Amino acid sequence: MSPTLTGDEIMGRPAKHIQLAKEQINELHEFYHHAKVARERTRAQIVLLAGEQGLSAPEIARLVNMSQQTVGRWIARYLDEGIDGFADRPRTGAPSKVTEEFVERLIEVVRHRPRALDQSVSTWTLEHLAEFMAEEFDIEVSGETIRRHLADNGIVLRRPQHKITSPDPLYRVKKRRLKPPEKT
């Protein structure tokens, strides 16, 4: 059952009050109590305040700390699309700089020691990998982007554990002497 509007429709916004069927109110309450995304829960609350309690857009706007126009848009979207309208729509962004070729080369590079690729460092860090890939592909990406693409391919860089060693044959003996004895 479609909700009905009472009053006038002004500039594409729903009028002050909407009437919802009992099933719609139950569905909105169910959605409100089980929504995992707070923004979607607030959107359901807006429609419930308008349809169940008969509050106006300015009253709802004050309660949910949004503008009247935003409240009106969420009510209109619910009237057009139902509960599915509460979800955020996909947003477009800049196209990815990273190509499949870039990711393949990144995986190949990370499997080699940096010195084998004429790098001055002995272990890879995300920042070193980003710099190396920027030189090869002329594409600047962040260490986080490198981490994400490595993780997508099952690779995790760990912080290196440095060990101090010595060519001295008695190094182990001397090192043991420096350790305090364990308490029993």
Foldseek 3Di string as FASTA:
>chain_A
DAKDAPDDDDPNFGFFAIADDPVLLVVLVVCLVPPPDPQLNLLSVLLCCRHVVVGGLVVSCVVSVHDSVVSRVSNSQCNVPNSVSSDDDDDDDDDDPDDPVLLVVLVVVQVDAVVVVVDPDGHDQLQNSQVVSCVVPVDHDHSVVSQVSCVVVVDHDDDDDDDDDDPDPCVVVVVVVPDDDDDD
